[in-house]
Amino acid sequence: MTQPRPFETLLPPLPESLAAQYFPPLMAPLECVTRLPPPPDRDELLKQPFLRMEAGGGVPLANNILFDVHIILHSYGPNGMEDQAEANCGNALAWGANAQGTTIIAVGREWYVTYSRATGLITRHNDPLTKITRYRCMVGWRMQGQAISLIGGQDI
């Protein structure tokens, strides 16, 4: 049996789940993924520009109710399409930095973005997992944690 806790248990925002719901409609028809698929599916994905979203960490604020969540955005483009990859990264950065005031439904919960900003501007990197150009940037979202409690092992 668990002991009562003096404070409510809060689920922090889940960056990749939130990004996977937020970015695809805004970036369509660009493919948006949270991981690179294994070969041979990876080879097909690498033939066109695409966006990969990655959890970038974050911190709870001093009130332990709000969290600053970071999402790293990786934009890829095959040889000859670097300019498109950079433009896609810029568009994703702009949309991510302007998420304030939106509600994102992810993992069966509504998450409200109380504040958003660009936390890392576009940089160019080589990706050791691919032979194509990657541009990277990061956005930060301030969101409230969600109360969780367990009854019979189920989150309610």
Foldseek 3Di string as FASTA:
>chain_A
DDDDDPDFDFAADDFVQQCVQQPPVQLPPAAEEQDQDDPPVNVVNQAAKHKHKYWPDWAQDPVNFKIKTKIKIKIWGAPPCVVVSLVSQVSSQVSQQPQAQDWTQGPNDTKHFPHKHWPFDWDWDQDPVDRTIMIMTMMITMITTHGWDDDPNDTD
